[in-house]
Amino acid sequence: MKKNFRSLILPGALVCLGVLHVSPARATLVGDVALAPGGNVFPGSVTGDAPGTLEADQVQPFSISTSVGTMNGTIESAVYMESGGTLDFYYQVSNTSPDGDNFSRNSDSNFGGFLTDVGFRTDGSSLTGTTFTDSAFIPDTADRSTTNGGAVVGFNFNSFGTLDEIPPGAKSSVLVITTNATHFMLGTASAIDSGTATVAAFEPTNVPEPTSIVLFGSGLLLSVGLARSRRFSR
């Protein structure tokens, strides 16, 4: 009787685990540049590449006072799933500051413990389902912190002078972080110059979303119920 019970439980649990987690080979977009903790690289262009399937998108406004004026703008963040099941994180920073202050950096977290490649897109308007727009303000370099497994990935717009900084009325190109993650949650993103404005954005996680956990629990209970009904029907 125990043998029959296990034969029902195991397939049901495995099916539900398949819903919870995908273990694909790492997908990489053409033109992305690998960025390890402590690294500093020149990001590659992924303009024109198929982004995958849009999973989530949001726009968060910010307004903070600094020692030299007011920083205003928005940060849009989105998550795309590639065909292999891994996730890419997209960001675009807009500058609407009234004091003429340019933005020099975007930073995003938390990517600790995940593999990351970095790139940019100048064709934001092609990304349907979002409000991304085209922009030629591309990052000079990208870097990753050494602490906490490389938690913070940053894009710099003034590594070689101020000409590439994001001025008022403009947006950055769409900044891309390709990962080996298969789940995501809310994290943070920042626009930085004379101050730092931080808003909610998306980040990778190893923990499946609550709805998947519910699906797993329901599937397991269904397997148990089937096993019991079969046992009592004999």
C-alpha atoms as a PDB file:
ATOM      1  CA  MET A   1       0.000   0.000   0.000  1.00  0.00           C
ATOM      2  CA  LYS A   2       2.907   2.394   0.777  1.00  0.00           C
ATOM      3  CA  LYS A   3       4.368   1.692  -2.629  1.00  0.00           C
ATOM      4  CA  ASN A   4       1.175   2.799  -4.387  1.00  0.00           C
ATOM      5  CA  PHE A   5       0.981   5.936  -2.237  1.00  0.00           C
ATOM      6  CA  ARG A   6       4.522   6.986  -3.159  1.00  0.00           C
ATOM      7  CA  SER A   7       3.980   6.267  -6.821  1.00  0.00           C
ATOM      8  CA  LEU A   8       1.165   8.826  -6.818  1.00  0.00           C
ATOM      9  CA  ILE A   9       2.850  11.471  -4.650  1.00  0.00           C
ATOM     10  CA  LEU A  10       6.162  11.617  -6.514  1.00  0.00           C
ATOM     11  CA  PRO A  11       4.848  12.380 -10.023  1.00  0.00           C
ATOM     12  CA  GLY A  12       2.434  14.989  -8.662  1.00  0.00           C
ATOM     13  CA  ALA A  13       5.183  16.724  -6.704  1.00  0.00           C
ATOM     14  CA  LEU A  14       7.524  16.680  -9.693  1.00  0.00           C
ATOM     15  CA  VAL A  15       4.890  18.229 -11.939  1.00  0.00           C
ATOM     16  CA  CYS A  16       4.358  21.058  -9.443  1.00  0.00           C
ATOM     17  CA  LEU A  17       8.085  21.580  -9.058  1.00  0.00           C
ATOM     18  CA  GLY A  18       8.236  22.001 -12.802  1.00  0.00           C
ATOM     19  CA  VAL A  19       5.852  24.944 -12.409  1.00  0.00           C
ATOM     20  CA  LEU A  20       7.942  26.385  -9.598  1.00  0.00           C
ATOM     21  CA  HIS A  21      11.384  26.389 -11.098  1.00  0.00           C
ATOM     22  CA  VAL A  22      13.092  26.133 -14.460  1.00  0.00           C
ATOM     23  CA  SER A  23      16.748  25.172 -14.709  1.00  0.00           C
ATOM     24  CA  PRO A  24      17.793  26.252 -18.210  1.00  0.00           C
ATOM     25  CA  ALA A  25      21.236  26.793 -19.576  1.00  0.00           C
ATOM     26  CA  ARG A  26      22.202  30.423 -19.248  1.00  0.00           C
ATOM     27  CA  ALA A  27      20.898  32.571 -22.100  1.00  0.00           C
ATOM     28  CA  THR A  28      22.907  35.528 -23.351  1.00  0.00           C
ATOM     29  CA  LEU A  29      21.853  38.317 -25.684  1.00  0.00           C
ATOM     30  CA  VAL A  30      24.183  39.171 -28.560  1.00  0.00           C
ATOM     31  CA  GLY A  31      26.404  42.103 -27.591  1.00  0.00           C
ATOM     32  CA  ASP A  32      26.116  41.665 -23.822  1.00  0.00           C
ATOM     33  CA  VAL A  33      29.326  41.891 -21.807  1.00  0.00           C
ATOM     34  CA  ALA A  34      29.920  39.666 -18.779  1.00  0.00           C
ATOM     35  CA  LEU A  35      30.203  41.600 -15.520  1.00  0.00           C
ATOM     36  CA  ALA A  36      31.492  39.818 -12.415  1.00  0.00           C
ATOM     37  CA  PRO A  37      31.599  41.275  -8.872  1.00  0.00           C
ATOM     38  CA  GLY A  38      34.291  43.949  -8.721  1.00  0.00           C
ATOM     39  CA  GLY A  39      34.323  44.339 -12.500  1.00  0.00           C
ATOM     40  CA  ASN A  40      34.232  47.470 -14.650  1.00  0.00           C
ATOM     41  CA  VAL A  41      33.421  46.982 -18.354  1.00  0.00           C
ATOM     42  CA  PHE A  42      32.183  48.662 -21.522  1.00  0.00           C
ATOM     43  CA  PRO A  43      28.575  47.484 -21.990  1.00  0.00           C
ATOM     44  CA  GLY A  44      27.594  46.177 -25.423  1.00  0.00           C
ATOM     45  CA  SER A  45      24.717  47.215 -27.644  1.00  0.00           C
ATOM     46  CA  VAL A  46      21.732  44.844 -27.879  1.00  0.00           C
ATOM     47  CA  THR A  47      19.725  47.264 -30.022  1.00  0.00           C
ATOM     48  CA  GLY A  48      17.400  45.388 -32.356  1.00  0.00           C
ATOM     49  CA  ASP A  49      17.643  42.051 -30.533  1.00  0.00           C
ATOM     50  CA  ALA A  50      14.389  40.292 -29.624  1.00  0.00           C
ATOM     51  CA  PRO A  51      13.822  41.021 -25.920  1.00  0.00           C
ATOM     52  CA  GLY A  52      11.854  37.882 -25.043  1.00  0.00           C
ATOM     53  CA  THR A  53       8.495  37.836 -23.236  1.00  0.00           C
ATOM     54  CA  LEU A  54       7.530  40.830 -21.089  1.00  0.00           C
ATOM     55  CA  GLU A  55       6.799  39.630 -17.542  1.00  0.00           C
ATOM     56  CA  ALA A  56       6.369  42.944 -15.670  1.00  0.00           C
ATOM     57  CA  ASP A  57       6.777  46.686 -16.150  1.00  0.00           C
ATOM     58  CA  GLN A  58       6.466  49.736 -13.891  1.00  0.00           C
ATOM     59  CA  VAL A  59       7.327  53.451 -13.826  1.00  0.00           C
ATOM     60  CA  GLN A  60       8.297  55.129 -10.550  1.00  0.00           C
ATOM     61  CA  PRO A  61       8.622  58.934 -10.217  1.00  0.00           C
ATOM     62  CA  PHE A  62      11.065  60.620  -7.850  1.00  0.00           C
ATOM     63  CA  SER A  63      11.750  64.110  -6.539  1.00  0.00           C
ATOM     64  CA  ILE A  64      14.424  64.865  -3.960  1.00  0.00           C
ATOM     65  CA  SER A  65      16.132  68.022  -2.737  1.00  0.00           C
ATOM     66  CA  THR A  66      19.941  68.172  -2.863  1.00  0.00           C
ATOM     67  CA  SER A  67      22.562  70.707  -1.880  1.00  0.00           C
ATOM     68  CA  VAL A  68      22.452  72.206  -5.382  1.00  0.00           C
ATOM     69  CA  GLY A  69      18.750  71.963  -6.225  1.00  0.00           C
ATOM     70  CA  THR A  70      16.020  69.444  -6.959  1.00  0.00           C
ATOM     71  CA  MET A  71      16.344  66.084  -8.730  1.00  0.00           C
ATOM     72  CA  ASN A  72      13.156  65.096 -10.572  1.00  0.00           C
ATOM     73  CA  GLY A  73      12.470  62.260 -12.945  1.00  0.00           C
ATOM     74  CA  THR A  74      11.307  58.687 -13.333  1.00  0.00           C
ATOM     75  CA  ILE A  75      12.818  55.230 -13.509  1.00  0.00           C
ATOM     76  CA  GLU A  76      11.029  52.619 -15.588  1.00  0.00           C
ATOM     77  CA  SER A  77      11.915  48.992 -14.931  1.00  0.00           C
ATOM     78  CA  ALA A  78      10.813  45.859 -16.751  1.00  0.00           C
ATOM     79  CA  VAL A  79      11.472  42.114 -16.664  1.00  0.00           C
ATOM     80  CA  TYR A  80      11.729  39.940 -19.778  1.00  0.00           C
ATOM     81  CA  MET A  81      11.975  36.163 -19.967  1.00  0.00           C
ATOM     82  CA  GLU A  82      14.222  34.731 -22.647  1.00  0.00           C
ATOM     83  CA  SER A  83      13.343  31.530 -24.509  1.00  0.00           C
ATOM     84  CA  GLY A  84      15.592  29.526 -22.174  1.00  0.00           C
ATOM     85  CA  GLY A  85      13.639  30.659 -19.101  1.00  0.00           C
ATOM     86  CA  THR A  86      16.176  33.136 -17.714  1.00  0.00           C
ATOM     87  CA  LEU A  87      15.309  36.749 -16.903  1.00  0.00           C
ATOM     88  CA  ASP A  88      16.609  40.082 -18.193  1.00  0.00           C
ATOM     89  CA  PHE A  89      16.099  43.349 -16.299  1.00  0.00           C
ATOM     90  CA  TYR A  90      15.558  46.604 -18.214  1.00  0.00           C
ATOM     91  CA  TYR A  91      15.824  50.174 -16.843  1.00  0.00           C
ATOM     92  CA  GLN A  92      15.428  53.678 -18.266  1.00  0.00           C
ATOM     93  CA  VAL A  93      16.055  56.889 -16.314  1.00  0.00           C
ATOM     94  CA  SER A  94      14.364  60.166 -17.269  1.00  0.00           C
ATOM     95  CA  ASN A  95      15.562  63.591 -16.118  1.00  0.00           C
ATOM     96  CA  THR A  96      12.945  66.297 -15.548  1.00  0.00           C
ATOM     97  CA  SER A  97      14.968  68.310 -12.990  1.00  0.00           C
ATOM     98  CA  PRO A  98      14.112  72.015 -12.989  1.00  0.00           C
ATOM     99  CA  ASP A  99      17.590  73.151 -11.903  1.00  0.00           C
ATOM    100  CA  GLY A 100      19.510  72.023 -14.994  1.00  0.00           C
ATOM    101  CA  ASP A 101      21.364  69.239 -13.188  1.00  0.00           C
ATOM    102  CA  ASN A 102      22.501  66.293 -15.345  1.00  0.00           C
ATOM    103  CA  PHE A 103      22.324  62.664 -14.173  1.00  0.00           C
ATOM    104  CA  SER A 104      25.628  60.800 -14.257  1.00  0.00           C
ATOM    105  CA  ARG A 105      24.817  57.290 -12.999  1.00  0.00           C
ATOM    106  CA  ASN A 106      22.135  54.637 -12.605  1.00  0.00           C
ATOM    107  CA  SER A 107      22.525  51.809 -10.073  1.00  0.00           C
ATOM    108  CA  ASP A 108      20.327  48.729  -9.627  1.00  0.00           C
ATOM    109  CA  SER A 109      20.088  46.067  -6.943  1.00  0.00           C
ATOM    110  CA  ASN A 110      20.043  43.360  -5.711  1.00  0.00           C
ATOM    111  CA  PHE A 111      21.967  41.061  -8.062  1.00  0.00           C
ATOM    112  CA  GLY A 112      24.066  39.352  -5.390  1.00  0.00           C
ATOM    113  CA  GLY A 113      24.974  35.769  -6.240  1.00  0.00           C
ATOM    114  CA  PHE A 114      23.667  35.869  -9.828  1.00  0.00           C
ATOM    115  CA  LEU A 115      25.557  35.849 -13.119  1.00  0.00           C
ATOM    116  CA  THR A 116      25.156  39.161 -14.951  1.00  0.00           C
ATOM    117  CA  ASP A 117      25.889  40.530 -18.415  1.00  0.00           C
ATOM    118  CA  VAL A 118      25.308  44.205 -19.221  1.00  0.00           C
ATOM    119  CA  GLY A 119      24.206  46.033 -22.347  1.00  0.00           C
ATOM    120  CA  PHE A 120      22.060  48.879 -23.618  1.00  0.00           C
ATOM    121  CA  ARG A 121      19.353  49.514 -26.210  1.00  0.00           C
ATOM    122  CA  THR A 122      18.725  52.726 -28.147  1.00  0.00           C
ATOM    123  CA  ASP A 123      15.433  51.391 -29.585  1.00  0.00           C
ATOM    124  CA  GLY A 124      13.227  51.647 -26.496  1.00  0.00           C
ATOM    125  CA  SER A 125      10.089  52.513 -28.518  1.00  0.00           C
ATOM    126  CA  SER A 126      10.208  49.050 -30.108  1.00  0.00           C
ATOM    127  CA  LEU A 127       9.552  47.400 -26.727  1.00  0.00           C
ATOM    128  CA  THR A 128       5.771  47.037 -26.807  1.00  0.00           C
ATOM    129  CA  GLY A 129       3.844  46.947 -23.536  1.00  0.00           C
ATOM    130  CA  THR A 130       6.177  49.527 -21.966  1.00  0.00           C
ATOM    131  CA  THR A 131       6.714  53.289 -22.145  1.00  0.00           C
ATOM    132  CA  PHE A 132      10.417  52.989 -23.005  1.00  0.00           C
ATOM    133  CA  THR A 133      11.544  55.486 -25.643  1.00  0.00           C
ATOM    134  CA  ASP A 134      14.458  55.742 -28.068  1.00  0.00           C
ATOM    135  CA  SER A 135      17.558  57.444 -26.697  1.00  0.00           C
ATOM    136  CA  ALA A 136      21.177  57.898 -27.754  1.00  0.00           C
ATOM    137  CA  PHE A 137      22.408  58.615 -24.213  1.00  0.00           C
ATOM    138  CA  ILE A 138      24.367  55.397 -23.779  1.00  0.00           C
ATOM    139  CA  PRO A 139      26.485  54.444 -20.737  1.00  0.00           C
ATOM    140  CA  ASP A 140      30.258  54.787 -20.971  1.00  0.00           C
ATOM    141  CA  THR A 141      30.986  51.974 -18.526  1.00  0.00           C
ATOM    142  CA  ALA A 142      29.224  49.582 -16.179  1.00  0.00           C
ATOM    143  CA  ASP A 143      30.465  48.254 -12.861  1.00  0.00           C
ATOM    144  CA  ARG A 144      29.482  45.839 -10.128  1.00  0.00           C
ATOM    145  CA  SER A 145      30.151  46.025  -6.395  1.00  0.00           C
ATOM    146  CA  THR A 146      32.294  43.483  -4.592  1.00  0.00           C
ATOM    147  CA  THR A 147      30.127  43.294  -1.466  1.00  0.00           C
ATOM    148  CA  ASN A 148      27.259  40.891  -0.877  1.00  0.00           C
ATOM    149  CA  GLY A 149      28.030  38.771  -3.903  1.00  0.00           C
ATOM    150  CA  GLY A 150      28.057  41.738  -6.276  1.00  0.00           C
ATOM    151  CA  ALA A 151      24.731  43.173  -5.202  1.00  0.00           C
ATOM    152  CA  VAL A 152      24.829  46.519  -7.057  1.00  0.00           C
ATOM    153  CA  VAL A 153      25.175  46.901 -10.829  1.00  0.00           C
ATOM    154  CA  GLY A 154      25.781  50.464 -12.013  1.00  0.00           C
ATOM    155  CA  PHE A 155      25.871  52.296 -15.363  1.00  0.00           C
ATOM    156  CA  ASN A 156      28.038  55.411 -15.685  1.00  0.00           C
ATOM    157  CA  PHE A 157      27.446  58.314 -18.078  1.00  0.00           C
ATOM    158  CA  ASN A 158      30.481  60.481 -17.269  1.00  0.00           C
ATOM    159  CA  SER A 159      33.464  58.127 -17.223  1.00  0.00           C
ATOM    160  CA  PHE A 160      35.169  60.179 -19.961  1.00  0.00           C
ATOM    161  CA  GLY A 161      33.674  63.619 -19.302  1.00  0.00           C
ATOM    162  CA  THR A 162      30.219  65.108 -18.955  1.00  0.00           C
ATOM    163  CA  LEU A 163      29.071  65.041 -22.605  1.00  0.00           C
ATOM    164  CA  ASP A 164      27.242  61.729 -22.160  1.00  0.00           C
ATOM    165  CA  GLU A 165      25.408  62.690 -18.959  1.00  0.00           C
ATOM    166  CA  ILE A 166      21.595  62.687 -19.088  1.00  0.00           C
ATOM    167  CA  PRO A 167      20.406  66.331 -19.259  1.00  0.00           C
ATOM    168  CA  PRO A 168      16.995  67.673 -18.223  1.00  0.00           C
ATOM    169  CA  GLY A 169      14.351  66.723 -20.775  1.00  0.00           C
ATOM    170  CA  ALA A 170      16.187  63.553 -21.827  1.00  0.00           C
ATOM    171  CA  LYS A 171      16.217  59.869 -20.960  1.00  0.00           C
ATOM    172  CA  SER A 172      18.979  57.312 -20.772  1.00  0.00           C
ATOM    173  CA  SER A 173      19.108  54.531 -23.306  1.00  0.00           C
ATOM    174  CA  VAL A 174      17.413  51.364 -22.038  1.00  0.00           C
ATOM    175  CA  LEU A 175      19.909  49.674 -19.708  1.00  0.00           C
ATOM    176  CA  VAL A 176      19.942  45.877 -19.808  1.00  0.00           C
ATOM    177  CA  ILE A 177      21.145  43.383 -17.195  1.00  0.00           C
ATOM    178  CA  THR A 178      20.963  39.786 -18.405  1.00  0.00           C
ATOM    179  CA  THR A 179      20.959  37.182 -15.622  1.00  0.00           C
ATOM    180  CA  ASN A 180      20.711  33.453 -14.952  1.00  0.00           C
ATOM    181  CA  ALA A 181      17.777  34.063 -12.562  1.00  0.00           C
ATOM    182  CA  THR A 182      14.385  32.459 -13.182  1.00  0.00           C
ATOM    183  CA  HIS A 183      12.341  34.396 -10.572  1.00  0.00           C
ATOM    184  CA  PHE A 184      12.019  38.075  -9.687  1.00  0.00           C
ATOM    185  CA  MET A 185      10.696  40.372  -6.981  1.00  0.00           C
ATOM    186  CA  LEU A 186      10.735  44.066  -6.054  1.00  0.00           C
ATOM    187  CA  GLY A 187      14.134  45.637  -5.498  1.00  0.00           C
ATOM    188  CA  THR A 188      15.496  49.156  -6.032  1.00  0.00           C
ATOM    189  CA  ALA A 189      16.993  51.382  -8.717  1.00  0.00           C
ATOM    190  CA  SER A 190      18.634  54.783  -8.342  1.00  0.00           C
ATOM    191  CA  ALA A 191      19.412  57.910 -10.353  1.00  0.00           C
ATOM    192  CA  ILE A 192      22.576  59.616  -9.118  1.00  0.00           C
ATOM    193  CA  ASP A 193      24.351  62.948  -9.550  1.00  0.00           C
ATOM    194  CA  SER A 194      24.374  65.705  -6.917  1.00  0.00           C
ATOM    195  CA  GLY A 195      22.141  63.394  -4.877  1.00  0.00           C
ATOM    196  CA  THR A 196      20.689  59.910  -5.028  1.00  0.00           C
ATOM    197  CA  ALA A 197      17.035  59.205  -5.795  1.00  0.00           C
ATOM    198  CA  THR A 198      15.993  55.598  -5.144  1.00  0.00           C
ATOM    199  CA  VAL A 199      12.715  53.978  -6.206  1.00  0.00           C
ATOM    200  CA  ALA A 200      11.155  50.530  -6.319  1.00  0.00           C
ATOM    201  CA  ALA A 201      12.235  48.424  -9.291  1.00  0.00           C
ATOM    202  CA  PHE A 202      12.656  44.735 -10.099  1.00  0.00           C
ATOM    203  CA  GLU A 203      15.441  42.385  -8.999  1.00  0.00           C
ATOM    204  CA  PRO A 204      16.205  38.664  -9.382  1.00  0.00           C
ATOM    205  CA  THR A 205      15.524  36.159  -6.625  1.00  0.00           C
ATOM    206  CA  ASN A 206      15.921  32.449  -5.961  1.00  0.00           C
ATOM    207  CA  VAL A 207      12.562  32.335  -4.179  1.00  0.00           C
ATOM    208  CA  PRO A 208       9.490  31.555  -6.321  1.00  0.00           C
ATOM    209  CA  GLU A 209       6.539  33.910  -6.184  1.00  0.00           C
ATOM    210  CA  PRO A 210       3.712  33.063  -3.704  1.00  0.00           C
ATOM    211  CA  THR A 211       1.301  31.955  -6.441  1.00  0.00           C
ATOM    212  CA  SER A 212       3.735  29.252  -7.507  1.00  0.00           C
ATOM    213  CA  ILE A 213       4.039  28.062  -3.922  1.00  0.00           C
ATOM    214  CA  VAL A 214       0.243  27.802  -3.761  1.00  0.00           C
ATOM    215  CA  LEU A 215       0.239  25.783  -6.980  1.00  0.00           C
ATOM    216  CA  PHE A 216       2.840  23.439  -5.530  1.00  0.00           C
ATOM    217  CA  GLY A 217       0.870  22.977  -2.306  1.00  0.00           C
ATOM    218  CA  SER A 218      -2.359  22.374  -4.214  1.00  0.00           C
ATOM    219  CA  GLY A 219      -0.710  19.808  -6.433  1.00  0.00           C
ATOM    220  CA  LEU A 220       0.749  17.969  -3.472  1.00  0.00           C
ATOM    221  CA  LEU A 221      -2.623  17.886  -1.692  1.00  0.00           C
ATOM    222  CA  LEU A 222      -4.245  16.583  -4.869  1.00  0.00           C
ATOM    223  CA  SER A 223      -1.713  13.769  -5.024  1.00  0.00           C
ATOM    224  CA  VAL A 224      -2.383  12.864  -1.380  1.00  0.00           C
ATOM    225  CA  GLY A 225      -6.131  12.932  -1.966  1.00  0.00           C
ATOM    226  CA  LEU A 226      -5.892  10.648  -4.968  1.00  0.00           C
ATOM    227  CA  ALA A 227      -3.725   8.211  -3.051  1.00  0.00           C
ATOM    228  CA  ARG A 228      -6.185   8.070  -0.143  1.00  0.00           C
ATOM    229  CA  SER A 229      -9.236   7.625  -2.353  1.00  0.00           C
ATOM    230  CA  ARG A 230      -7.569   4.791  -4.210  1.00  0.00           C
ATOM    231  CA  ARG A 231      -6.550   3.122  -0.932  1.00  0.00           C
ATOM    232  CA  PHE A 232     -10.072   3.314   0.569  1.00  0.00           C
ATOM    233  CA  SER A 233     -11.748   2.160  -2.639  1.00  0.00           C
ATOM    234  CA  ARG A 234     -10.022  -1.195  -2.367  1.00  0.00           C
END
